[in-house]
Amino acid sequence: MRQSDKVDFNFRYRPKVDSPDGVLMQYLNSFKPMERRALILRALRAFYATAAYVDQGEALTLDELEAMARYLKEAAGTYDQHQFTLEVETSVVFAEGESRFDSPLED
């Protein structure tokens, strides 16, 4: 794979420690780098992947939408003493000739 076949994305954010974002960043920093990356990607995929594909004019298969719903459910998940639940309802209509993808959600 050539370097031009990759997307470079960097994010730097330095909120105040006692702000809500500071608490969130401290939580994420408590994980090892690879775990942190996986958590962040799971959340981004759950909340923004569908919008990204729509913005690019690409169609998603029902399997891909269901995978994104799973990411969203996992992101809400169960953490420590807090129990979160999430229900996701999808309705998908495919027009003839729309693009399909094997798997946009690869790590």
PDB file of N, CA and C in Angstrom:
ATOM      1  N   MET A   1       0.845  -1.176   0.000  1.00  0.00           N
ATOM      2  CA  MET A   1       0.000   0.000   0.000  1.00  0.00           C
ATOM      3  C   MET A   1       0.893   1.243   0.000  1.00  0.00           C
ATOM      4  N   ARG A   2       0.622   2.145  -0.900  1.00  0.00           N
ATOM      5  CA  ARG A   2       1.380   3.389  -0.970  1.00  0.00           C
ATOM      6  C   ARG A   2       0.928   4.334   0.142  1.00  0.00           C
ATOM      7  N   GLN A   3       1.810   5.228   0.531  1.00  0.00           N
ATOM      8  CA  GLN A   3       1.478   6.211   1.566  1.00  0.00           C
ATOM      9  C   GLN A   3       0.269   7.057   1.154  1.00  0.00           C
ATOM     10  N   SER A   4       0.131   7.326  -0.150  1.00  0.00           N
ATOM     11  CA  SER A   4      -0.999   8.140  -0.613  1.00  0.00           C
ATOM     12  C   SER A   4      -2.328   7.407  -0.490  1.00  0.00           C
ATOM     13  N   ASP A   5      -2.289   6.096  -0.226  1.00  0.00           N
ATOM     14  CA  ASP A   5      -3.507   5.310  -0.045  1.00  0.00           C
ATOM     15  C   ASP A   5      -4.008   5.344   1.394  1.00  0.00           C
ATOM     16  N   LYS A   6      -3.379   6.150   2.221  1.00  0.00           N
ATOM     17  CA  LYS A   6      -3.761   6.241   3.625  1.00  0.00           C
ATOM     18  C   LYS A   6      -4.228   7.652   3.954  1.00  0.00           C
ATOM     19  N   VAL A   7      -5.015   7.760   5.014  1.00  0.00           N
ATOM     20  CA  VAL A   7      -5.482   9.055   5.501  1.00  0.00           C
ATOM     21  C   VAL A   7      -4.754   9.369   6.788  1.00  0.00           C
ATOM     22  N   ASP A   8      -4.143  10.529   6.847  1.00  0.00           N
ATOM     23  CA  ASP A   8      -3.456  10.957   8.064  1.00  0.00           C
ATOM     24  C   ASP A   8      -4.430  11.780   8.895  1.00  0.00           C
ATOM     25  N   PHE A   9      -4.634  11.381  10.139  1.00  0.00           N
ATOM     26  CA  PHE A   9      -5.565  12.084  11.017  1.00  0.00           C
ATOM     27  C   PHE A   9      -4.931  12.221  12.387  1.00  0.00           C
ATOM     28  N   ASN A  10      -4.800  13.429  12.845  1.00  0.00           N
ATOM     29  CA  ASN A  10      -4.253  13.692  14.177  1.00  0.00           C
ATOM     30  C   ASN A  10      -5.258  14.522  14.965  1.00  0.00           C
ATOM     31  N   PHE A  11      -5.269  14.300  16.256  1.00  0.00           N
ATOM     32  CA  PHE A  11      -6.186  15.041  17.122  1.00  0.00           C
ATOM     33  C   PHE A  11      -5.453  15.395  18.404  1.00  0.00           C
ATOM     34  N   ARG A  12      -5.404  16.658  18.701  1.00  0.00           N
ATOM     35  CA  ARG A  12      -4.790  17.096  19.955  1.00  0.00           C
ATOM     36  C   ARG A  12      -5.809  17.980  20.662  1.00  0.00           C
ATOM     37  N   TYR A  13      -5.999  17.699  21.919  1.00  0.00           N
ATOM     38  CA  TYR A  13      -7.004  18.431  22.687  1.00  0.00           C
ATOM     39  C   TYR A  13      -6.531  18.501  24.124  1.00  0.00           C
ATOM     40  N   ARG A  14      -6.520  19.694  24.695  1.00  0.00           N
ATOM     41  CA  ARG A  14      -6.029  19.869  26.057  1.00  0.00           C
ATOM     42  C   ARG A  14      -7.059  20.628  26.901  1.00  0.00           C
ATOM     43  N   PRO A  15      -8.128  19.959  27.303  1.00  0.00           N
ATOM     44  CA  PRO A  15      -9.137  20.620  28.136  1.00  0.00           C
ATOM     45  C   PRO A  15      -8.637  20.761  29.577  1.00  0.00           C
ATOM     46  N   LYS A  16      -9.304  21.617  30.324  1.00  0.00           N
ATOM     47  CA  LYS A  16      -8.988  21.746  31.746  1.00  0.00           C
ATOM     48  C   LYS A  16      -9.323  20.437  32.448  1.00  0.00           C
ATOM     49  N   VAL A  17      -8.492  20.059  33.395  1.00  0.00           N
ATOM     50  CA  VAL A  17      -8.627  18.777  34.096  1.00  0.00           C
ATOM     51  C   VAL A  17     -10.000  18.612  34.731  1.00  0.00           C
ATOM     52  N   ASP A  18     -10.546  19.665  35.307  1.00  0.00           N
ATOM     53  CA  ASP A  18     -11.814  19.542  36.035  1.00  0.00           C
ATOM     54  C   ASP A  18     -13.044  19.799  35.154  1.00  0.00           C
ATOM     55  N   SER A  19     -12.869  19.917  33.850  1.00  0.00           N
ATOM     56  CA  SER A  19     -14.012  20.090  32.946  1.00  0.00           C
ATOM     57  C   SER A  19     -14.559  18.711  32.548  1.00  0.00           C
ATOM     58  N   PRO A  20     -15.787  18.660  32.033  1.00  0.00           N
ATOM     59  CA  PRO A  20     -16.324  17.366  31.578  1.00  0.00           C
ATOM     60  C   PRO A  20     -15.421  16.704  30.528  1.00  0.00           C
ATOM     61  N   ASP A  21     -14.901  17.486  29.593  1.00  0.00           N
ATOM     62  CA  ASP A  21     -14.001  16.915  28.593  1.00  0.00           C
ATOM     63  C   ASP A  21     -12.688  16.466  29.230  1.00  0.00           C
ATOM     64  N   GLY A  22     -12.224  17.175  30.250  1.00  0.00           N
ATOM     65  CA  GLY A  22     -11.014  16.778  30.953  1.00  0.00           C
ATOM     66  C   GLY A  22     -11.184  15.433  31.639  1.00  0.00           C
ATOM     67  N   VAL A  23     -12.346  15.231  32.253  1.00  0.00           N
ATOM     68  CA  VAL A  23     -12.642  13.944  32.898  1.00  0.00           C
ATOM     69  C   VAL A  23     -12.648  12.840  31.840  1.00  0.00           C
ATOM     70  N   LEU A  24     -13.275  13.116  30.699  1.00  0.00           N
ATOM     71  CA  LEU A  24     -13.323  12.133  29.614  1.00  0.00           C
ATOM     72  C   LEU A  24     -11.918  11.824  29.101  1.00  0.00           C
ATOM     73  N   MET A  25     -11.093  12.833  28.883  1.00  0.00           N
ATOM     74  CA  MET A  25      -9.742  12.607  28.374  1.00  0.00           C
ATOM     75  C   MET A  25      -8.888  11.835  29.388  1.00  0.00           C
ATOM     76  N   GLN A  26      -9.072  12.122  30.682  1.00  0.00           N
ATOM     77  CA  GLN A  26      -8.349  11.368  31.704  1.00  0.00           C
ATOM     78  C   GLN A  26      -8.763   9.902  31.687  1.00  0.00           C
ATOM     79  N   TYR A  27     -10.052   9.665  31.523  1.00  0.00           N
ATOM     80  CA  TYR A  27     -10.553   8.291  31.432  1.00  0.00           C
ATOM     81  C   TYR A  27      -9.905   7.575  30.247  1.00  0.00           C
ATOM     82  N   LEU A  28      -9.928   8.209  29.074  1.00  0.00           N
ATOM     83  CA  LEU A  28      -9.342   7.587  27.892  1.00  0.00           C
ATOM     84  C   LEU A  28      -7.839   7.375  28.056  1.00  0.00           C
ATOM     85  N   ASN A  29      -7.167   8.322  28.703  1.00  0.00           N
ATOM     86  CA  ASN A  29      -5.725   8.187  28.931  1.00  0.00           C
ATOM     87  C   ASN A  29      -5.382   7.076  29.922  1.00  0.00           C
ATOM     88  N   SER A  30      -6.364   6.580  30.665  1.00  0.00           N
ATOM     89  CA  SER A  30      -6.102   5.501  31.618  1.00  0.00           C
ATOM     90  C   SER A  30      -5.897   4.161  30.909  1.00  0.00           C
ATOM     91  N   PHE A  31      -6.200   4.099  29.607  1.00  0.00           N
ATOM     92  CA  PHE A  31      -6.033   2.875  28.825  1.00  0.00           C
ATOM     93  C   PHE A  31      -4.692   2.891  28.102  1.00  0.00           C
ATOM     94  N   LYS A  32      -4.204   1.710  27.791  1.00  0.00           N
ATOM     95  CA  LYS A  32      -3.007   1.594  26.969  1.00  0.00           C
ATOM     96  C   LYS A  32      -3.316   2.169  25.589  1.00  0.00           C
ATOM     97  N   PRO A  33      -2.305   2.672  24.875  1.00  0.00           N
ATOM     98  CA  PRO A  33      -2.549   3.325  23.586  1.00  0.00           C
ATOM     99  C   PRO A  33      -3.400   2.527  22.597  1.00  0.00           C
ATOM    100  N   MET A  34      -3.160   1.252  22.438  1.00  0.00           N
ATOM    101  CA  MET A  34      -3.946   0.456  21.483  1.00  0.00           C
ATOM    102  C   MET A  34      -5.398   0.298  21.936  1.00  0.00           C
ATOM    103  N   GLU A  35      -5.608   0.137  23.255  1.00  0.00           N
ATOM    104  CA  GLU A  35      -6.970   0.047  23.777  1.00  0.00           C
ATOM    105  C   GLU A  35      -7.687   1.380  23.587  1.00  0.00           C
ATOM    106  N   ARG A  36      -6.970   2.467  23.865  1.00  0.00           N
ATOM    107  CA  ARG A  36      -7.532   3.819  23.716  1.00  0.00           C
ATOM    108  C   ARG A  36      -7.945   4.050  22.264  1.00  0.00           C
ATOM    109  N   ARG A  37      -7.088   3.669  21.341  1.00  0.00           N
ATOM    110  CA  ARG A  37      -7.393   3.829  19.916  1.00  0.00           C
ATOM    111  C   ARG A  37      -8.662   3.054  19.558  1.00  0.00           C
ATOM    112  N   ALA A  38      -8.770   1.819  20.044  1.00  0.00           N
ATOM    113  CA  ALA A  38      -9.944   0.996  19.754  1.00  0.00           C
ATOM    114  C   ALA A  38     -11.220   1.630  20.312  1.00  0.00           C
ATOM    115  N   LEU A  39     -11.149   2.159  21.536  1.00  0.00           N
ATOM    116  CA  LEU A  39     -12.313   2.822  22.138  1.00  0.00           C
ATOM    117  C   LEU A  39     -12.739   4.039  21.315  1.00  0.00           C
ATOM    118  N   ILE A  40     -11.771   4.840  20.930  1.00  0.00           N
ATOM    119  CA  ILE A  40     -12.072   6.061  20.172  1.00  0.00           C
ATOM    120  C   ILE A  40     -12.638   5.710  18.803  1.00  0.00           C
ATOM    121  N   LEU A  41     -12.035   4.743  18.117  1.00  0.00           N
ATOM    122  CA  LEU A  41     -12.545   4.345  16.802  1.00  0.00           C
ATOM    123  C   LEU A  41     -13.951   3.765  16.891  1.00  0.00           C
ATOM    124  N   ARG A  42     -14.210   2.967  17.930  1.00  0.00           N
ATOM    125  CA  ARG A  42     -15.553   2.402  18.101  1.00  0.00           C
ATOM    126  C   ARG A  42     -16.585   3.519  18.241  1.00  0.00           C
ATOM    127  N   ALA A  43     -16.271   4.524  19.042  1.00  0.00           N
ATOM    128  CA  ALA A  43     -17.210   5.629  19.236  1.00  0.00           C
ATOM    129  C   ALA A  43     -17.380   6.444  17.952  1.00  0.00           C
ATOM    130  N   LEU A  44     -16.283   6.738  17.267  1.00  0.00           N
ATOM    131  CA  LEU A  44     -16.374   7.499  16.018  1.00  0.00           C
ATOM    132  C   LEU A  44     -17.187   6.747  14.975  1.00  0.00           C
ATOM    133  N   ARG A  45     -16.937   5.454  14.853  1.00  0.00           N
ATOM    134  CA  ARG A  45     -17.688   4.658  13.888  1.00  0.00           C
ATOM    135  C   ARG A  45     -19.169   4.640  14.232  1.00  0.00           C
ATOM    136  N   ALA A  46     -19.479   4.468  15.498  1.00  0.00           N
ATOM    137  CA  ALA A  46     -20.872   4.393  15.930  1.00  0.00           C
ATOM    138  C   ALA A  46     -21.629   5.672  15.620  1.00  0.00           C
ATOM    139  N   PHE A  47     -20.991   6.802  15.812  1.00  0.00           N
ATOM    140  CA  PHE A  47     -21.707   8.065  15.697  1.00  0.00           C
ATOM    141  C   PHE A  47     -21.503   8.796  14.375  1.00  0.00           C
ATOM    142  N   TYR A  48     -20.413   8.542  13.660  1.00  0.00           N
ATOM    143  CA  TYR A  48     -20.136   9.334  12.460  1.00  0.00           C
ATOM    144  C   TYR A  48     -19.971   8.551  11.174  1.00  0.00           C
ATOM    145  N   ALA A  49     -19.811   7.245  11.214  1.00  0.00           N
ATOM    146  CA  ALA A  49     -19.568   6.482   9.983  1.00  0.00           C
ATOM    147  C   ALA A  49     -20.724   6.611   8.996  1.00  0.00           C
ATOM    148  N   THR A  50     -21.955   6.500   9.479  1.00  0.00           N
ATOM    149  CA  THR A  50     -23.100   6.617   8.576  1.00  0.00           C
ATOM    150  C   THR A  50     -23.117   7.981   7.906  1.00  0.00           C
ATOM    151  N   ALA A  51     -22.904   9.038   8.673  1.00  0.00           N
ATOM    152  CA  ALA A  51     -22.880  10.391   8.101  1.00  0.00           C
ATOM    153  C   ALA A  51     -21.758  10.533   7.081  1.00  0.00           C
ATOM    154  N   ALA A  52     -20.605   9.924   7.349  1.00  0.00           N
ATOM    155  CA  ALA A  52     -19.474  10.001   6.423  1.00  0.00           C
ATOM    156  C   ALA A  52     -19.818   9.346   5.085  1.00  0.00           C
ATOM    157  N   TYR A  53     -20.455   8.173   5.137  1.00  0.00           N
ATOM    158  CA  TYR A  53     -20.827   7.507   3.891  1.00  0.00           C
ATOM    159  C   TYR A  53     -21.892   8.282   3.130  1.00  0.00           C
ATOM    160  N   VAL A  54     -22.853   8.837   3.832  1.00  0.00           N
ATOM    161  CA  VAL A  54     -23.878   9.648   3.181  1.00  0.00           C
ATOM    162  C   VAL A  54     -23.238  10.869   2.540  1.00  0.00           C
ATOM    163  N   ASP A  55     -22.330  11.516   3.253  1.00  0.00           N
ATOM    164  CA  ASP A  55     -21.646  12.703   2.747  1.00  0.00           C
ATOM    165  C   ASP A  55     -20.843  12.382   1.481  1.00  0.00           C
ATOM    166  N   GLN A  56     -20.285  11.191   1.423  1.00  0.00           N
ATOM    167  CA  GLN A  56     -19.499  10.779   0.256  1.00  0.00           C
ATOM    168  C   GLN A  56     -20.381  10.215  -0.864  1.00  0.00           C
ATOM    169  N   GLY A  57     -21.697  10.146  -0.611  1.00  0.00           N
ATOM    170  CA  GLY A  57     -22.617   9.640  -1.626  1.00  0.00           C
ATOM    171  C   GLY A  57     -22.563   8.143  -1.808  1.00  0.00           C
ATOM    172  N   GLU A  58     -22.111   7.430  -0.787  1.00  0.00           N
ATOM    173  CA  GLU A  58     -21.981   5.979  -0.863  1.00  0.00           C
ATOM    174  C   GLU A  58     -23.130   5.323  -0.118  1.00  0.00           C
ATOM    175  N   ALA A  59     -23.545   4.156  -0.603  1.00  0.00           N
ATOM    176  CA  ALA A  59     -24.614   3.403   0.043  1.00  0.00           C
ATOM    177  C   ALA A  59     -24.023   2.362   0.979  1.00  0.00           C
ATOM    178  N   LEU A  60     -24.736   2.066   2.043  1.00  0.00           N
ATOM    179  CA  LEU A  60     -24.331   1.035   2.999  1.00  0.00           C
ATOM    180  C   LEU A  60     -25.293  -0.136   2.900  1.00  0.00           C
ATOM    181  N   THR A  61     -24.763  -1.333   3.087  1.00  0.00           N
ATOM    182  CA  THR A  61     -25.619  -2.516   3.116  1.00  0.00           C
ATOM    183  C   THR A  61     -26.284  -2.609   4.480  1.00  0.00           C
ATOM    184  N   LEU A  62     -27.307  -3.421   4.567  1.00  0.00           N
ATOM    185  CA  LEU A  62     -27.980  -3.637   5.848  1.00  0.00           C
ATOM    186  C   LEU A  62     -27.001  -4.219   6.859  1.00  0.00           C
ATOM    187  N   ASP A  63     -26.134  -5.136   6.425  1.00  0.00           N
ATOM    188  CA  ASP A  63     -25.134  -5.717   7.331  1.00  0.00           C
ATOM    189  C   ASP A  63     -24.212  -4.638   7.887  1.00  0.00           C
ATOM    190  N   GLU A  64     -23.808  -3.701   7.051  1.00  0.00           N
ATOM    191  CA  GLU A  64     -22.926  -2.624   7.506  1.00  0.00           C
ATOM    192  C   GLU A  64     -23.640  -1.713   8.501  1.00  0.00           C
ATOM    193  N   LEU A  65     -24.897  -1.407   8.226  1.00  0.00           N
ATOM    194  CA  LEU A  65     -25.660  -0.583   9.172  1.00  0.00           C
ATOM    195  C   LEU A  65     -25.855  -1.319  10.492  1.00  0.00           C
ATOM    196  N   GLU A  66     -26.106  -2.613  10.437  1.00  0.00           N
ATOM    197  CA  GLU A  66     -26.250  -3.388  11.666  1.00  0.00           C
ATOM    198  C   GLU A  66     -24.938  -3.422  12.446  1.00  0.00           C
ATOM    199  N   ALA A  67     -23.807  -3.501  11.736  1.00  0.00           N
ATOM    200  CA  ALA A  67     -22.497  -3.467  12.399  1.00  0.00           C
ATOM    201  C   ALA A  67     -22.305  -2.131  13.103  1.00  0.00           C
ATOM    202  N   MET A  68     -22.712  -1.051  12.462  1.00  0.00           N
ATOM    203  CA  MET A  68     -22.606   0.270  13.091  1.00  0.00           C
ATOM    204  C   MET A  68     -23.506   0.368  14.307  1.00  0.00           C
ATOM    205  N   ALA A  69     -24.686  -0.235  14.235  1.00  0.00           N
ATOM    206  CA  ALA A  69     -25.582  -0.244  15.396  1.00  0.00           C
ATOM    207  C   ALA A  69     -24.951  -1.022  16.538  1.00  0.00           C
ATOM    208  N   ARG A  70     -24.245  -2.118  16.221  1.00  0.00           N
ATOM    209  CA  ARG A  70     -23.543  -2.876  17.267  1.00  0.00           C
ATOM    210  C   ARG A  70     -22.460  -2.025  17.918  1.00  0.00           C
ATOM    211  N   TYR A  71     -21.719  -1.267  17.112  1.00  0.00           N
ATOM    212  CA  TYR A  71     -20.693  -0.385  17.669  1.00  0.00           C
ATOM    213  C   TYR A  71     -21.335   0.624  18.626  1.00  0.00           C
ATOM    214  N   LEU A  72     -22.485   1.161  18.231  1.00  0.00           N
ATOM    215  CA  LEU A  72     -23.176   2.133  19.067  1.00  0.00           C
ATOM    216  C   LEU A  72     -23.614   1.494  20.381  1.00  0.00           C
ATOM    217  N   LYS A  73     -24.153   0.284  20.311  1.00  0.00           N
ATOM    218  CA  LYS A  73     -24.562  -0.426  21.523  1.00  0.00           C
ATOM    219  C   LYS A  73     -23.364  -0.722  22.415  1.00  0.00           C
ATOM    220  N   GLU A  74     -22.244  -1.139  21.798  1.00  0.00           N
ATOM    221  CA  GLU A  74     -21.033  -1.414  22.579  1.00  0.00           C
ATOM    222  C   GLU A  74     -20.507  -0.142  23.225  1.00  0.00           C
ATOM    223  N   ALA A  75     -20.585   0.970  22.511  1.00  0.00           N
ATOM    224  CA  ALA A  75     -20.106   2.235  23.057  1.00  0.00           C
ATOM    225  C   ALA A  75     -20.929   2.631  24.274  1.00  0.00           C
ATOM    226  N   ALA A  76     -22.234   2.328  24.262  1.00  0.00           N
ATOM    227  CA  ALA A  76     -23.089   2.643  25.401  1.00  0.00           C
ATOM    228  C   ALA A  76     -22.835   1.660  26.533  1.00  0.00           C
ATOM    229  N   GLY A  77     -22.641   0.382  26.185  1.00  0.00           N
ATOM    230  CA  GLY A  77     -22.279  -0.720  27.061  1.00  0.00           C
ATOM    231  C   GLY A  77     -22.451  -0.616  28.559  1.00  0.00           C
ATOM    232  N   THR A  78     -21.753  -1.463  29.261  1.00  0.00           N
ATOM    233  CA  THR A  78     -21.754  -1.493  30.717  1.00  0.00           C
ATOM    234  C   THR A  78     -20.365  -1.142  31.214  1.00  0.00           C
ATOM    235  N   TYR A  79     -20.253  -0.151  32.064  1.00  0.00           N
ATOM    236  CA  TYR A  79     -18.971   0.252  32.630  1.00  0.00           C
ATOM    237  C   TYR A  79     -19.108   0.364  34.137  1.00  0.00           C
ATOM    238  N   ASP A  80     -18.251  -0.371  34.839  1.00  0.00           N
ATOM    239  CA  ASP A  80     -18.225  -0.363  36.302  1.00  0.00           C
ATOM    240  C   ASP A  80     -19.619  -0.556  36.877  1.00  0.00           C
ATOM    241  N   GLN A  81     -20.054   0.350  37.745  1.00  0.00           N
ATOM    242  CA  GLN A  81     -21.350   0.189  38.403  1.00  0.00           C
ATOM    243  C   GLN A  81     -22.501   0.774  37.590  1.00  0.00           C
ATOM    244  N   HIS A  82     -22.199   1.382  36.453  1.00  0.00           N
ATOM    245  CA  HIS A  82     -23.234   2.034  35.645  1.00  0.00           C
ATOM    246  C   HIS A  82     -23.720   1.102  34.544  1.00  0.00           C
ATOM    247  N   GLN A  83     -25.004   0.996  34.410  1.00  0.00           N
ATOM    248  CA  GLN A  83     -25.608   0.172  33.363  1.00  0.00           C
ATOM    249  C   GLN A  83     -26.295   1.106  32.377  1.00  0.00           C
ATOM    250  N   PHE A  84     -25.914   0.980  31.118  1.00  0.00           N
ATOM    251  CA  PHE A  84     -26.529   1.787  30.075  1.00  0.00           C
ATOM    252  C   PHE A  84     -27.217   0.859  29.092  1.00  0.00           C
ATOM    253  N   THR A  85     -28.357   1.267  28.583  1.00  0.00           N
ATOM    254  CA  THR A  85     -29.011   0.480  27.548  1.00  0.00           C
ATOM    255  C   THR A  85     -29.322   1.403  26.373  1.00  0.00           C
ATOM    256  N   LEU A  86     -29.372   0.805  25.211  1.00  0.00           N
ATOM    257  CA  LEU A  86     -29.629   1.557  24.001  1.00  0.00           C
ATOM    258  C   LEU A  86     -30.380   0.666  23.035  1.00  0.00           C
ATOM    259  N   GLU A  87     -31.436   1.187  22.443  1.00  0.00           N
ATOM    260  CA  GLU A  87     -32.155   0.465  21.411  1.00  0.00           C
ATOM    261  C   GLU A  87     -31.977   1.227  20.111  1.00  0.00           C
ATOM    262  N   VAL A  88     -31.643   0.508  19.058  1.00  0.00           N
ATOM    263  CA  VAL A  88     -31.445   1.124  17.754  1.00  0.00           C
ATOM    264  C   VAL A  88     -32.403   0.477  16.771  1.00  0.00           C
ATOM    265  N   GLU A  89     -33.197   1.296  16.105  1.00  0.00           N
ATOM    266  CA  GLU A  89     -34.127   0.800  15.109  1.00  0.00           C
ATOM    267  C   GLU A  89     -33.675   1.327  13.759  1.00  0.00           C
ATOM    268  N   THR A  90     -33.583   0.434  12.765  1.00  0.00           N
ATOM    269  CA  THR A  90     -33.146   0.863  11.440  1.00  0.00           C
ATOM    270  C   THR A  90     -34.194   0.509  10.404  1.00  0.00           C
ATOM    271  N   SER A  91     -34.266   1.328   9.406  1.00  0.00           N
ATOM    272  CA  SER A  91     -35.116   1.078   8.258  1.00  0.00           C
ATOM    273  C   SER A  91     -34.284   1.451   7.040  1.00  0.00           C
ATOM    274  N   VAL A  92     -34.041   0.483   6.159  1.00  0.00           N
ATOM    275  CA  VAL A  92     -33.144   0.702   5.031  1.00  0.00           C
ATOM    276  C   VAL A  92     -33.849   0.347   3.730  1.00  0.00           C
ATOM    277  N   VAL A  93     -33.712   1.229   2.745  1.00  0.00           N
ATOM    278  CA  VAL A  93     -34.243   0.973   1.413  1.00  0.00           C
ATOM    279  C   VAL A  93     -33.090   1.143   0.436  1.00  0.00           C
ATOM    280  N   PHE A  94     -32.825   0.117  -0.380  1.00  0.00           N
ATOM    281  CA  PHE A  94     -31.754   0.185  -1.365  1.00  0.00           C
ATOM    282  C   PHE A  94     -32.347   0.394  -2.745  1.00  0.00           C
ATOM    283  N   ALA A  95     -31.850   1.392  -3.449  1.00  0.00           N
ATOM    284  CA  ALA A  95     -32.248   1.601  -4.831  1.00  0.00           C
ATOM    285  C   ALA A  95     -31.394   0.709  -5.717  1.00  0.00           C
ATOM    286  N   GLU A  96     -31.941   0.312  -6.833  1.00  0.00           N
ATOM    287  CA  GLU A  96     -31.210  -0.553  -7.742  1.00  0.00           C
ATOM    288  C   GLU A  96     -29.941   0.142  -8.224  1.00  0.00           C
ATOM    289  N   GLY A  97     -28.817  -0.588  -8.204  1.00  0.00           N
ATOM    290  CA  GLY A  97     -27.565  -0.056  -8.709  1.00  0.00           C
ATOM    291  C   GLY A  97     -26.736   0.714  -7.704  1.00  0.00           C
ATOM    292  N   GLU A  98     -27.129   0.759  -6.451  1.00  0.00           N
ATOM    293  CA  GLU A  98     -26.338   1.470  -5.453  1.00  0.00           C
ATOM    294  C   GLU A  98     -25.059   0.713  -5.148  1.00  0.00           C
ATOM    295  N   SER A  99     -24.049   1.435  -4.714  1.00  0.00           N
ATOM    296  CA  SER A  99     -22.768   0.831  -4.358  1.00  0.00           C
ATOM    297  C   SER A  99     -22.911   0.000  -3.093  1.00  0.00           C
ATOM    298  N   ARG A 100     -22.125  -1.054  -3.002  1.00  0.00           N
ATOM    299  CA  ARG A 100     -22.081  -1.891  -1.810  1.00  0.00           C
ATOM    300  C   ARG A 100     -20.617  -2.034  -1.423  1.00  0.00           C
ATOM    301  N   PHE A 101     -20.348  -2.217  -0.152  1.00  0.00           N
ATOM    302  CA  PHE A 101     -18.988  -2.346   0.342  1.00  0.00           C
ATOM    303  C   PHE A 101     -18.860  -3.657   1.096  1.00  0.00           C
ATOM    304  N   ASP A 102     -17.662  -4.262   1.038  1.00  0.00           N
ATOM    305  CA  ASP A 102     -17.438  -5.498   1.778  1.00  0.00           C
ATOM    306  C   ASP A 102     -17.461  -5.244   3.269  1.00  0.00           C
ATOM    307  N   SER A 103     -16.638  -4.293   3.745  1.00  0.00           N
ATOM    308  CA  SER A 103     -16.599  -4.005   5.163  1.00  0.00           C
ATOM    309  C   SER A 103     -15.919  -2.667   5.411  1.00  0.00           C
ATOM    310  N   PRO A 104     -16.676  -1.604   5.675  1.00  0.00           N
ATOM    311  CA  PRO A 104     -16.056  -0.315   5.940  1.00  0.00           C
ATOM    312  C   PRO A 104     -15.551  -0.201   7.375  1.00  0.00           C
ATOM    313  N   LEU A 105     -15.792  -1.222   8.193  1.00  0.00           N
ATOM    314  CA  LEU A 105     -15.512  -1.113   9.625  1.00  0.00           C
ATOM    315  C   LEU A 105     -14.326  -1.961  10.055  1.00  0.00           C
ATOM    316  N   GLU A 106     -13.298  -2.013   9.228  1.00  0.00           N
ATOM    317  CA  GLU A 106     -12.128  -2.783   9.588  1.00  0.00           C
ATOM    318  C   GLU A 106     -11.250  -1.989  10.541  1.00  0.00           C
ATOM    319  N   ASP A 107     -10.608  -2.683  11.466  1.00  0.00           N
ATOM    320  CA  ASP A 107      -9.677  -2.034  12.387  1.00  0.00           C
ATOM    321  C   ASP A 107      -8.396  -1.699  11.670  1.00  0.00           C
TER     322      ASP A 107
END
